[in-house]
Amino acid sequence: MSAKNNDRKQRFRSVTIGFRVSPEEAYRVDMEVLTSGMTKQDFILKRLLNEEITVYPNIRIRHYLEKYLVEILAELKRLEKIPANIDVLENLTYLVKFISKLSSDKKENEI
């Protein structure tokens, strides 16, 4: 019999929670998870428990941000009217806020 697989705080996690989402919701969750640098499990758990999520920027997160901004730019070029697709606006708003927060944190660290 194999040993119990405990997490970093020595908790044995034996309960599975699952739920369904739309493709747009899954895309948004994946985007936030990848740009946070956390695992999906840790990210969702912290969000559900209203715990603070701290992002430590690195080259991988920058790569994901660039990827998502290119995708959104292509979608904006395709759309004639932005209100027709509110998901694009929500994703763009999230990324702009995220990047501005990273920029302000960097400026504070430089001073």
PDB file of N, CA and C in Angstrom:
ATOM      1  N   MET A   1       0.847  -1.176   0.000  1.00  0.00           N
ATOM      2  CA  MET A   1       0.000   0.000   0.000  1.00  0.00           C
ATOM      3  C   MET A   1       0.894   1.240   0.000  1.00  0.00           C
ATOM      4  N   SER A   2       0.539   2.234  -0.812  1.00  0.00           N
ATOM      5  CA  SER A   2       1.369   3.427  -0.922  1.00  0.00           C
ATOM      6  C   SER A   2       1.140   4.386   0.250  1.00  0.00           C
ATOM      7  N   ALA A   3       2.120   5.245   0.454  1.00  0.00           N
ATOM      8  CA  ALA A   3       2.030   6.218   1.545  1.00  0.00           C
ATOM      9  C   ALA A   3       1.049   7.319   1.186  1.00  0.00           C
ATOM     10  N   LYS A   4       0.468   7.962   2.215  1.00  0.00           N
ATOM     11  CA  LYS A   4      -0.456   9.064   1.989  1.00  0.00           C
ATOM     12  C   LYS A   4       0.304  10.234   1.381  1.00  0.00           C
ATOM     13  N   ASN A   5      -0.352  10.898   0.450  1.00  0.00           N
ATOM     14  CA  ASN A   5       0.254  12.035  -0.222  1.00  0.00           C
ATOM     15  C   ASN A   5      -0.213  13.312   0.467  1.00  0.00           C
ATOM     16  N   ASN A   6       0.602  13.862   1.345  1.00  0.00           N
ATOM     17  CA  ASN A   6       0.259  15.072   2.088  1.00  0.00           C
ATOM     18  C   ASN A   6       0.784  16.300   1.355  1.00  0.00           C
ATOM     19  N   ASP A   7       0.123  17.452   1.579  1.00  0.00           N
ATOM     20  CA  ASP A   7       0.599  18.690   0.977  1.00  0.00           C
ATOM     21  C   ASP A   7       1.702  19.305   1.834  1.00  0.00           C
ATOM     22  N   ARG A   8       2.104  20.552   1.505  1.00  0.00           N
ATOM     23  CA  ARG A   8       3.217  21.199   2.214  1.00  0.00           C
ATOM     24  C   ARG A   8       2.948  21.409   3.699  1.00  0.00           C
ATOM     25  N   LYS A   9       1.676  21.533   4.062  1.00  0.00           N
ATOM     26  CA  LYS A   9       1.322  21.744   5.469  1.00  0.00           C
ATOM     27  C   LYS A   9       0.915  20.432   6.143  1.00  0.00           C
ATOM     28  N   GLN A  10       1.300  19.329   5.528  1.00  0.00           N
ATOM     29  CA  GLN A  10       1.061  17.977   6.037  1.00  0.00           C
ATOM     30  C   GLN A  10      -0.434  17.653   6.177  1.00  0.00           C
ATOM     31  N   ARG A  11      -1.264  18.222   5.281  1.00  0.00           N
ATOM     32  CA  ARG A  11      -2.686  17.886   5.252  1.00  0.00           C
ATOM     33  C   ARG A  11      -2.898  16.802   4.202  1.00  0.00           C
ATOM     34  N   PHE A  12      -3.681  15.816   4.560  1.00  0.00           N
ATOM     35  CA  PHE A  12      -4.028  14.766   3.607  1.00  0.00           C
ATOM     36  C   PHE A  12      -5.308  15.192   2.903  1.00  0.00           C
ATOM     37  N   ARG A  13      -5.232  15.402   1.619  1.00  0.00           N
ATOM     38  CA  ARG A  13      -6.390  15.871   0.852  1.00  0.00           C
ATOM     39  C   ARG A  13      -7.016  14.695   0.126  1.00  0.00           C
ATOM     40  N   SER A  14      -8.113  14.221   0.685  1.00  0.00           N
ATOM     41  CA  SER A  14      -8.759  13.035   0.124  1.00  0.00           C
ATOM     42  C   SER A  14     -10.111  13.343  -0.521  1.00  0.00           C
ATOM     43  N   VAL A  15     -10.571  14.584  -0.468  1.00  0.00           N
ATOM     44  CA  VAL A  15     -11.869  14.951  -1.017  1.00  0.00           C
ATOM     45  C   VAL A  15     -11.666  15.641  -2.361  1.00  0.00           C
ATOM     46  N   THR A  16     -12.457  15.236  -3.352  1.00  0.00           N
ATOM     47  CA  THR A  16     -12.406  15.845  -4.672  1.00  0.00           C
ATOM     48  C   THR A  16     -13.651  16.685  -4.883  1.00  0.00           C
ATOM     49  N   ILE A  17     -13.448  17.917  -5.381  1.00  0.00           N
ATOM     50  CA  ILE A  17     -14.565  18.798  -5.700  1.00  0.00           C
ATOM     51  C   ILE A  17     -14.469  19.112  -7.178  1.00  0.00           C
ATOM     52  N   GLY A  18     -15.553  18.934  -7.902  1.00  0.00           N
ATOM     53  CA  GLY A  18     -15.561  19.210  -9.333  1.00  0.00           C
ATOM     54  C   GLY A  18     -16.784  20.009  -9.713  1.00  0.00           C
ATOM     55  N   PHE A  19     -16.688  20.781 -10.781  1.00  0.00           N
ATOM     56  CA  PHE A  19     -17.828  21.553 -11.252  1.00  0.00           C
ATOM     57  C   PHE A  19     -17.657  21.831 -12.736  1.00  0.00           C
ATOM     58  N   ARG A  20     -18.745  22.198 -13.379  1.00  0.00           N
ATOM     59  CA  ARG A  20     -18.733  22.461 -14.814  1.00  0.00           C
ATOM     60  C   ARG A  20     -18.706  23.963 -15.071  1.00  0.00           C
ATOM     61  N   VAL A  21     -18.025  24.338 -16.144  1.00  0.00           N
ATOM     62  CA  VAL A  21     -17.980  25.740 -16.564  1.00  0.00           C
ATOM     63  C   VAL A  21     -18.124  25.805 -18.084  1.00  0.00           C
ATOM     64  N   SER A  22     -18.461  26.988 -18.573  1.00  0.00           N
ATOM     65  CA  SER A  22     -18.544  27.175 -20.018  1.00  0.00           C
ATOM     66  C   SER A  22     -17.121  27.292 -20.578  1.00  0.00           C
ATOM     67  N   PRO A  23     -16.955  27.149 -21.894  1.00  0.00           N
ATOM     68  CA  PRO A  23     -15.620  27.317 -22.478  1.00  0.00           C
ATOM     69  C   PRO A  23     -15.035  28.708 -22.201  1.00  0.00           C
ATOM     70  N   GLU A  24     -15.885  29.741 -22.205  1.00  0.00           N
ATOM     71  CA  GLU A  24     -15.409  31.097 -21.921  1.00  0.00           C
ATOM     72  C   GLU A  24     -14.941  31.228 -20.477  1.00  0.00           C
ATOM     73  N   GLU A  25     -15.685  30.621 -19.554  1.00  0.00           N
ATOM     74  CA  GLU A  25     -15.291  30.657 -18.137  1.00  0.00           C
ATOM     75  C   GLU A  25     -13.997  29.871 -17.915  1.00  0.00           C
ATOM     76  N   ALA A  26     -13.872  28.735 -18.591  1.00  0.00           N
ATOM     77  CA  ALA A  26     -12.655  27.926 -18.468  1.00  0.00           C
ATOM     78  C   ALA A  26     -11.448  28.696 -18.998  1.00  0.00           C
ATOM     79  N   TYR A  27     -11.621  29.401 -20.106  1.00  0.00           N
ATOM     80  CA  TYR A  27     -10.542  30.210 -20.670  1.00  0.00           C
ATOM     81  C   TYR A  27     -10.107  31.277 -19.672  1.00  0.00           C
ATOM     82  N   ARG A  28     -11.089  31.950 -19.056  1.00  0.00           N
ATOM     83  CA  ARG A  28     -10.785  33.018 -18.087  1.00  0.00           C
ATOM     84  C   ARG A  28     -10.064  32.455 -16.863  1.00  0.00           C
ATOM     85  N   VAL A  29     -10.531  31.319 -16.354  1.00  0.00           N
ATOM     86  CA  VAL A  29      -9.873  30.698 -15.199  1.00  0.00           C
ATOM     87  C   VAL A  29      -8.446  30.302 -15.568  1.00  0.00           C
ATOM     88  N   ASP A  30      -8.276  29.669 -16.726  1.00  0.00           N
ATOM     89  CA  ASP A  30      -6.933  29.266 -17.158  1.00  0.00           C
ATOM     90  C   ASP A  30      -6.015  30.477 -17.320  1.00  0.00           C
ATOM     91  N   MET A  31      -6.559  31.577 -17.860  1.00  0.00           N
ATOM     92  CA  MET A  31      -5.760  32.779 -18.041  1.00  0.00           C
ATOM     93  C   MET A  31      -5.295  33.318 -16.688  1.00  0.00           C
ATOM     94  N   GLU A  32      -6.193  33.391 -15.726  1.00  0.00           N
ATOM     95  CA  GLU A  32      -5.822  33.903 -14.402  1.00  0.00           C
ATOM     96  C   GLU A  32      -4.859  32.961 -13.686  1.00  0.00           C
ATOM     97  N   VAL A  33      -5.057  31.655 -13.846  1.00  0.00           N
ATOM     98  CA  VAL A  33      -4.162  30.687 -13.207  1.00  0.00           C
ATOM     99  C   VAL A  33      -2.754  30.804 -13.782  1.00  0.00           C
ATOM    100  N   LEU A  34      -2.647  30.819 -15.111  1.00  0.00           N
ATOM    101  CA  LEU A  34      -1.328  30.880 -15.744  1.00  0.00           C
ATOM    102  C   LEU A  34      -0.593  32.176 -15.413  1.00  0.00           C
ATOM    103  N   THR A  35      -1.321  33.302 -15.358  1.00  0.00           N
ATOM    104  CA  THR A  35      -0.661  34.568 -15.059  1.00  0.00           C
ATOM    105  C   THR A  35      -0.375  34.727 -13.570  1.00  0.00           C
ATOM    106  N   SER A  36      -0.932  33.863 -12.734  1.00  0.00           N
ATOM    107  CA  SER A  36      -0.626  33.927 -11.297  1.00  0.00           C
ATOM    108  C   SER A  36       0.639  33.151 -10.956  1.00  0.00           C
ATOM    109  N   GLY A  37       0.981  32.169 -11.799  1.00  0.00           N
ATOM    110  CA  GLY A  37       2.154  31.340 -11.520  1.00  0.00           C
ATOM    111  C   GLY A  37       1.870  30.232 -10.519  1.00  0.00           C
ATOM    112  N   MET A  38       0.614  30.030 -10.161  1.00  0.00           N
ATOM    113  CA  MET A  38       0.239  29.014  -9.182  1.00  0.00           C
ATOM    114  C   MET A  38      -0.354  27.803  -9.908  1.00  0.00           C
ATOM    115  N   THR A  39      -0.538  26.718  -9.163  1.00  0.00           N
ATOM    116  CA  THR A  39      -1.270  25.589  -9.723  1.00  0.00           C
ATOM    117  C   THR A  39      -2.753  25.942  -9.728  1.00  0.00           C
ATOM    118  N   LYS A  40      -3.498  25.284 -10.588  1.00  0.00           N
ATOM    119  CA  LYS A  40      -4.925  25.563 -10.667  1.00  0.00           C
ATOM    120  C   LYS A  40      -5.611  25.260  -9.332  1.00  0.00           C
ATOM    121  N   GLN A  41      -5.232  24.169  -8.696  1.00  0.00           N
ATOM    122  CA  GLN A  41      -5.823  23.799  -7.413  1.00  0.00           C
ATOM    123  C   GLN A  41      -5.570  24.881  -6.363  1.00  0.00           C
ATOM    124  N   ASP A  42      -4.326  25.328  -6.242  1.00  0.00           N
ATOM    125  CA  ASP A  42      -3.993  26.350  -5.250  1.00  0.00           C
ATOM    126  C   ASP A  42      -4.697  27.669  -5.550  1.00  0.00           C
ATOM    127  N   PHE A  43      -4.750  28.040  -6.829  1.00  0.00           N
ATOM    128  CA  PHE A  43      -5.384  29.289  -7.217  1.00  0.00           C
ATOM    129  C   PHE A  43      -6.872  29.280  -6.860  1.00  0.00           C
ATOM    130  N   ILE A  44      -7.572  28.234  -7.282  1.00  0.00           N
ATOM    131  CA  ILE A  44      -9.016  28.156  -7.028  1.00  0.00           C
ATOM    132  C   ILE A  44      -9.289  28.096  -5.531  1.00  0.00           C
ATOM    133  N   LEU A  45      -8.500  27.340  -4.794  1.00  0.00           N
ATOM    134  CA  LEU A  45      -8.683  27.239  -3.353  1.00  0.00           C
ATOM    135  C   LEU A  45      -8.491  28.592  -2.672  1.00  0.00           C
ATOM    136  N   LYS A  46      -7.457  29.323  -3.057  1.00  0.00           N
ATOM    137  CA  LYS A  46      -7.231  30.648  -2.467  1.00  0.00           C
ATOM    138  C   LYS A  46      -8.366  31.606  -2.815  1.00  0.00           C
ATOM    139  N   ARG A  47      -8.853  31.543  -4.044  1.00  0.00           N
ATOM    140  CA  ARG A  47      -9.982  32.401  -4.437  1.00  0.00           C
ATOM    141  C   ARG A  47     -11.231  32.059  -3.640  1.00  0.00           C
ATOM    142  N   LEU A  48     -11.514  30.785  -3.483  1.00  0.00           N
ATOM    143  CA  LEU A  48     -12.706  30.369  -2.741  1.00  0.00           C
ATOM    144  C   LEU A  48     -12.636  30.760  -1.262  1.00  0.00           C
ATOM    145  N   LEU A  49     -11.437  30.722  -0.707  1.00  0.00           N
ATOM    146  CA  LEU A  49     -11.257  31.037   0.711  1.00  0.00           C
ATOM    147  C   LEU A  49     -10.929  32.514   0.944  1.00  0.00           C
ATOM    148  N   ASN A  50     -11.015  33.330  -0.124  1.00  0.00           N
ATOM    149  CA  ASN A  50     -10.735  34.770  -0.049  1.00  0.00           C
ATOM    150  C   ASN A  50      -9.360  35.079   0.526  1.00  0.00           C
ATOM    151  N   GLU A  51      -8.385  34.257   0.168  1.00  0.00           N
ATOM    152  CA  GLU A  51      -7.008  34.503   0.594  1.00  0.00           C
ATOM    153  C   GLU A  51      -6.299  35.324  -0.473  1.00  0.00           C
ATOM    154  N   GLU A  52      -5.304  36.094  -0.045  1.00  0.00           N
ATOM    155  CA  GLU A  52      -4.573  36.949  -0.968  1.00  0.00           C
ATOM    156  C   GLU A  52      -3.716  36.112  -1.914  1.00  0.00           C
ATOM    157  N   ILE A  53      -3.723  36.514  -3.174  1.00  0.00           N
ATOM    158  CA  ILE A  53      -2.906  35.849  -4.188  1.00  0.00           C
ATOM    159  C   ILE A  53      -1.778  36.804  -4.557  1.00  0.00           C
ATOM    160  N   THR A  54      -0.557  36.413  -4.266  1.00  0.00           N
ATOM    161  CA  THR A  54       0.610  37.232  -4.564  1.00  0.00           C
ATOM    162  C   THR A  54       1.314  36.663  -5.783  1.00  0.00           C
ATOM    163  N   VAL A  55       1.539  37.531  -6.761  1.00  0.00           N
ATOM    164  CA  VAL A  55       2.199  37.110  -7.991  1.00  0.00           C
ATOM    165  C   VAL A  55       3.639  37.611  -7.971  1.00  0.00           C
ATOM    166  N   TYR A  56       4.566  36.697  -8.200  1.00  0.00           N
ATOM    167  CA  TYR A  56       5.968  37.044  -8.318  1.00  0.00           C
ATOM    168  C   TYR A  56       6.332  36.954  -9.796  1.00  0.00           C
ATOM    169  N   PRO A  57       6.436  38.116 -10.465  1.00  0.00           N
ATOM    170  CA  PRO A  57       6.653  38.101 -11.909  1.00  0.00           C
ATOM    171  C   PRO A  57       7.956  37.404 -12.303  1.00  0.00           C
ATOM    172  N   ASN A  58       7.855  36.642 -13.372  1.00  0.00           N
ATOM    173  CA  ASN A  58       9.036  35.998 -13.943  1.00  0.00           C
ATOM    174  C   ASN A  58       8.842  35.913 -15.450  1.00  0.00           C
ATOM    175  N   ILE A  59       9.785  35.357 -16.140  1.00  0.00           N
ATOM    176  CA  ILE A  59       9.745  35.321 -17.597  1.00  0.00           C
ATOM    177  C   ILE A  59       8.583  34.477 -18.112  1.00  0.00           C
ATOM    178  N   ARG A  60       8.207  33.432 -17.384  1.00  0.00           N
ATOM    179  CA  ARG A  60       7.095  32.578 -17.817  1.00  0.00           C
ATOM    180  C   ARG A  60       5.775  33.350 -17.761  1.00  0.00           C
ATOM    181  N   ILE A  61       5.569  34.116 -16.703  1.00  0.00           N
ATOM    182  CA  ILE A  61       4.347  34.904 -16.583  1.00  0.00           C
ATOM    183  C   ILE A  61       4.319  35.986 -17.667  1.00  0.00           C
ATOM    184  N   ARG A  62       5.456  36.592 -17.934  1.00  0.00           N
ATOM    185  CA  ARG A  62       5.528  37.589 -19.005  1.00  0.00           C
ATOM    186  C   ARG A  62       5.154  36.959 -20.341  1.00  0.00           C
ATOM    187  N   HIS A  63       5.616  35.740 -20.593  1.00  0.00           N
ATOM    188  CA  HIS A  63       5.286  35.023 -21.837  1.00  0.00           C
ATOM    189  C   HIS A  63       3.773  34.815 -21.942  1.00  0.00           C
ATOM    190  N   TYR A  64       3.135  34.383 -20.848  1.00  0.00           N
ATOM    191  CA  TYR A  64       1.683  34.171 -20.863  1.00  0.00           C
ATOM    192  C   TYR A  64       0.935  35.482 -21.089  1.00  0.00           C
ATOM    193  N   LEU A  65       1.388  36.563 -20.458  1.00  0.00           N
ATOM    194  CA  LEU A  65       0.750  37.867 -20.654  1.00  0.00           C
ATOM    195  C   LEU A  65       0.836  38.292 -22.116  1.00  0.00           C
ATOM    196  N   GLU A  66       1.999  38.140 -22.715  1.00  0.00           N
ATOM    197  CA  GLU A  66       2.161  38.497 -24.125  1.00  0.00           C
ATOM    198  C   GLU A  66       1.241  37.647 -25.003  1.00  0.00           C
ATOM    199  N   LYS A  67       1.162  36.356 -24.700  1.00  0.00           N
ATOM    200  CA  LYS A  67       0.313  35.449 -25.476  1.00  0.00           C
ATOM    201  C   LYS A  67      -1.146  35.888 -25.421  1.00  0.00           C
ATOM    202  N   TYR A  68      -1.640  36.181 -24.210  1.00  0.00           N
ATOM    203  CA  TYR A  68      -3.037  36.574 -24.066  1.00  0.00           C
ATOM    204  C   TYR A  68      -3.312  37.940 -24.684  1.00  0.00           C
ATOM    205  N   LEU A  69      -2.371  38.869 -24.590  1.00  0.00           N
ATOM    206  CA  LEU A  69      -2.568  40.179 -25.211  1.00  0.00           C
ATOM    207  C   LEU A  69      -2.612  40.073 -26.734  1.00  0.00           C
ATOM    208  N   VAL A  70      -1.800  39.201 -27.318  1.00  0.00           N
ATOM    209  CA  VAL A  70      -1.834  38.988 -28.767  1.00  0.00           C
ATOM    210  C   VAL A  70      -3.180  38.381 -29.173  1.00  0.00           C
ATOM    211  N   GLU A  71      -3.670  37.425 -28.397  1.00  0.00           N
ATOM    212  CA  GLU A  71      -4.974  36.820 -28.692  1.00  0.00           C
ATOM    213  C   GLU A  71      -6.095  37.854 -28.613  1.00  0.00           C
ATOM    214  N   ILE A  72      -6.063  38.697 -27.594  1.00  0.00           N
ATOM    215  CA  ILE A  72      -7.113  39.708 -27.434  1.00  0.00           C
ATOM    216  C   ILE A  72      -7.021  40.758 -28.534  1.00  0.00           C
ATOM    217  N   LEU A  73      -5.809  41.141 -28.898  1.00  0.00           N
ATOM    218  CA  LEU A  73      -5.638  42.090 -29.990  1.00  0.00           C
ATOM    219  C   LEU A  73      -6.224  41.532 -31.289  1.00  0.00           C
ATOM    220  N   ALA A  74      -5.966  40.275 -31.576  1.00  0.00           N
ATOM    221  CA  ALA A  74      -6.522  39.648 -32.781  1.00  0.00           C
ATOM    222  C   ALA A  74      -8.046  39.630 -32.723  1.00  0.00           C
ATOM    223  N   GLU A  75      -8.598  39.355 -31.552  1.00  0.00           N
ATOM    224  CA  GLU A  75     -10.058  39.330 -31.392  1.00  0.00           C
ATOM    225  C   GLU A  75     -10.643  40.730 -31.559  1.00  0.00           C
ATOM    226  N   LEU A  76      -9.983  41.746 -31.018  1.00  0.00           N
ATOM    227  CA  LEU A  76     -10.467  43.127 -31.165  1.00  0.00           C
ATOM    228  C   LEU A  76     -10.431  43.573 -32.619  1.00  0.00           C
ATOM    229  N   LYS A  77      -9.405  43.162 -33.358  1.00  0.00           N
ATOM    230  CA  LYS A  77      -9.331  43.494 -34.779  1.00  0.00           C
ATOM    231  C   LYS A  77     -10.461  42.827 -35.553  1.00  0.00           C
ATOM    232  N   ARG A  78     -10.856  41.643 -35.099  1.00  0.00           N
ATOM    233  CA  ARG A  78     -11.912  40.898 -35.773  1.00  0.00           C
ATOM    234  C   ARG A  78     -13.296  41.494 -35.503  1.00  0.00           C
ATOM    235  N   LEU A  79     -13.478  42.008 -34.311  1.00  0.00           N
ATOM    236  CA  LEU A  79     -14.788  42.537 -33.923  1.00  0.00           C
ATOM    237  C   LEU A  79     -15.016  43.930 -34.509  1.00  0.00           C
ATOM    238  N   GLU A  80     -16.233  44.178 -34.919  1.00  0.00           N
ATOM    239  CA  GLU A  80     -16.562  45.525 -35.367  1.00  0.00           C
ATOM    240  C   GLU A  80     -17.063  46.361 -34.202  1.00  0.00           C
ATOM    241  N   LYS A  81     -17.831  45.732 -33.322  1.00  0.00           N
ATOM    242  CA  LYS A  81     -18.354  46.434 -32.157  1.00  0.00           C
ATOM    243  C   LYS A  81     -17.975  45.645 -30.917  1.00  0.00           C
ATOM    244  N   ILE A  82     -17.307  46.278 -29.987  1.00  0.00           N
ATOM    245  CA  ILE A  82     -16.849  45.603 -28.782  1.00  0.00           C
ATOM    246  C   ILE A  82     -18.000  45.111 -27.897  1.00  0.00           C
ATOM    247  N   PRO A  83     -19.099  45.874 -27.706  1.00  0.00           N
ATOM    248  CA  PRO A  83     -20.163  45.375 -26.825  1.00  0.00           C
ATOM    249  C   PRO A  83     -20.771  44.039 -27.252  1.00  0.00           C
ATOM    250  N   ALA A  84     -20.530  43.616 -28.488  1.00  0.00           N
ATOM    251  CA  ALA A  84     -21.062  42.342 -28.953  1.00  0.00           C
ATOM    252  C   ALA A  84     -20.443  41.166 -28.210  1.00  0.00           C
ATOM    253  N   ASN A  85     -19.235  41.352 -27.646  1.00  0.00           N
ATOM    254  CA  ASN A  85     -18.564  40.257 -26.963  1.00  0.00           C
ATOM    255  C   ASN A  85     -17.982  40.767 -25.649  1.00  0.00           C
ATOM    256  N   ILE A  86     -18.748  40.658 -24.581  1.00  0.00           N
ATOM    257  CA  ILE A  86     -18.347  41.180 -23.278  1.00  0.00           C
ATOM    258  C   ILE A  86     -17.194  40.368 -22.679  1.00  0.00           C
ATOM    259  N   ASP A  87     -17.040  39.093 -23.048  1.00  0.00           N
ATOM    260  CA  ASP A  87     -15.942  38.267 -22.524  1.00  0.00           C
ATOM    261  C   ASP A  87     -14.584  38.842 -22.906  1.00  0.00           C
ATOM    262  N   VAL A  88     -14.470  39.360 -24.111  1.00  0.00           N
ATOM    263  CA  VAL A  88     -13.214  39.946 -24.560  1.00  0.00           C
ATOM    264  C   VAL A  88     -12.882  41.165 -23.699  1.00  0.00           C
ATOM    265  N   LEU A  89     -13.901  41.979 -23.417  1.00  0.00           N
ATOM    266  CA  LEU A  89     -13.682  43.160 -22.576  1.00  0.00           C
ATOM    267  C   LEU A  89     -13.259  42.781 -21.158  1.00  0.00           C
ATOM    268  N   GLU A  90     -13.895  41.750 -20.599  1.00  0.00           N
ATOM    269  CA  GLU A  90     -13.537  41.307 -19.251  1.00  0.00           C
ATOM    270  C   GLU A  90     -12.098  40.794 -19.211  1.00  0.00           C
ATOM    271  N   ASN A  91     -11.709  40.018 -20.205  1.00  0.00           N
ATOM    272  CA  ASN A  91     -10.335  39.502 -20.259  1.00  0.00           C
ATOM    273  C   ASN A  91      -9.331  40.630 -20.429  1.00  0.00           C
ATOM    274  N   LEU A  92      -9.651  41.584 -21.291  1.00  0.00           N
ATOM    275  CA  LEU A  92      -8.763  42.717 -21.509  1.00  0.00           C
ATOM    276  C   LEU A  92      -8.646  43.560 -20.237  1.00  0.00           C
ATOM    277  N   THR A  93      -9.752  43.796 -19.560  1.00  0.00           N
ATOM    278  CA  THR A  93      -9.731  44.554 -18.306  1.00  0.00           C
ATOM    279  C   THR A  93      -8.864  43.869 -17.269  1.00  0.00           C
ATOM    280  N   TYR A  94      -9.005  42.550 -17.157  1.00  0.00           N
ATOM    281  CA  TYR A  94      -8.185  41.803 -16.193  1.00  0.00           C
ATOM    282  C   TYR A  94      -6.701  41.965 -16.510  1.00  0.00           C
ATOM    283  N   LEU A  95      -6.325  41.786 -17.776  1.00  0.00           N
ATOM    284  CA  LEU A  95      -4.914  41.861 -18.156  1.00  0.00           C
ATOM    285  C   LEU A  95      -4.344  43.261 -17.958  1.00  0.00           C
ATOM    286  N   VAL A  96      -5.112  44.298 -18.298  1.00  0.00           N
ATOM    287  CA  VAL A  96      -4.626  45.671 -18.130  1.00  0.00           C
ATOM    288  C   VAL A  96      -4.423  45.976 -16.648  1.00  0.00           C
ATOM    289  N   LYS A  97      -5.373  45.585 -15.797  1.00  0.00           N
ATOM    290  CA  LYS A  97      -5.224  45.800 -14.352  1.00  0.00           C
ATOM    291  C   LYS A  97      -4.020  45.025 -13.817  1.00  0.00           C
ATOM    292  N   PHE A  98      -3.855  43.797 -14.291  1.00  0.00           N
ATOM    293  CA  PHE A  98      -2.748  42.959 -13.838  1.00  0.00           C
ATOM    294  C   PHE A  98      -1.401  43.583 -14.216  1.00  0.00           C
ATOM    295  N   ILE A  99      -1.287  44.034 -15.454  1.00  0.00           N
ATOM    296  CA  ILE A  99      -0.035  44.622 -15.924  1.00  0.00           C
ATOM    297  C   ILE A  99       0.236  45.948 -15.207  1.00  0.00           C
ATOM    298  N   SER A 100      -0.800  46.759 -14.987  1.00  0.00           N
ATOM    299  CA  SER A 100      -0.577  48.027 -14.289  1.00  0.00           C
ATOM    300  C   SER A 100      -0.170  47.790 -12.845  1.00  0.00           C
ATOM    301  N   LYS A 101      -0.713  46.745 -12.221  1.00  0.00           N
ATOM    302  CA  LYS A 101      -0.318  46.402 -10.849  1.00  0.00           C
ATOM    303  C   LYS A 101       1.136  45.949 -10.823  1.00  0.00           C
ATOM    304  N   LEU A 102       1.545  45.141 -11.783  1.00  0.00           N
ATOM    305  CA  LEU A 102       2.940  44.720 -11.859  1.00  0.00           C
ATOM    306  C   LEU A 102       3.856  45.916 -12.073  1.00  0.00           C
ATOM    307  N   SER A 103       3.436  46.849 -12.921  1.00  0.00           N
ATOM    308  CA  SER A 103       4.251  48.036 -13.195  1.00  0.00           C
ATOM    309  C   SER A 103       4.383  48.902 -11.955  1.00  0.00           C
ATOM    310  N   SER A 104       3.285  49.102 -11.213  1.00  0.00           N
ATOM    311  CA  SER A 104       3.351  49.941 -10.021  1.00  0.00           C
ATOM    312  C   SER A 104       4.185  49.276  -8.933  1.00  0.00           C
ATOM    313  N   ASP A 105       4.097  47.954  -8.807  1.00  0.00           N
ATOM    314  CA  ASP A 105       4.926  47.235  -7.832  1.00  0.00           C
ATOM    315  C   ASP A 105       6.395  47.362  -8.182  1.00  0.00           C
ATOM    316  N   LYS A 106       6.720  47.310  -9.473  1.00  0.00           N
ATOM    317  CA  LYS A 106       8.116  47.411  -9.919  1.00  0.00           C
ATOM    318  C   LYS A 106       8.656  48.808  -9.615  1.00  0.00           C
ATOM    319  N   LYS A 107       7.835  49.856  -9.860  1.00  0.00           N
ATOM    320  CA  LYS A 107       8.277  51.214  -9.598  1.00  0.00           C
ATOM    321  C   LYS A 107       8.513  51.435  -8.097  1.00  0.00           C
ATOM    322  N   GLU A 108       7.640  50.864  -7.256  1.00  0.00           N
ATOM    323  CA  GLU A 108       7.808  51.004  -5.813  1.00  0.00           C
ATOM    324  C   GLU A 108       9.100  50.337  -5.353  1.00  0.00           C
ATOM    325  N   ASN A 109       9.434  49.205  -5.959  1.00  0.00           N
ATOM    326  CA  ASN A 109      10.657  48.484  -5.581  1.00  0.00           C
ATOM    327  C   ASN A 109      11.903  49.232  -6.046  1.00  0.00           C
ATOM    328  N   GLU A 110      11.794  50.008  -7.134  1.00  0.00           N
ATOM    329  CA  GLU A 110      12.950  50.722  -7.664  1.00  0.00           C
ATOM    330  C   GLU A 110      13.257  51.972  -6.866  1.00  0.00           C
ATOM    331  N   ILE A 111      12.261  52.536  -6.178  1.00  0.00           N
ATOM    332  CA  ILE A 111      12.450  53.794  -5.445  1.00  0.00           C
ATOM    333  C   ILE A 111      13.167  53.566  -4.140  1.00  0.00           C
TER     334      ILE A 111
END
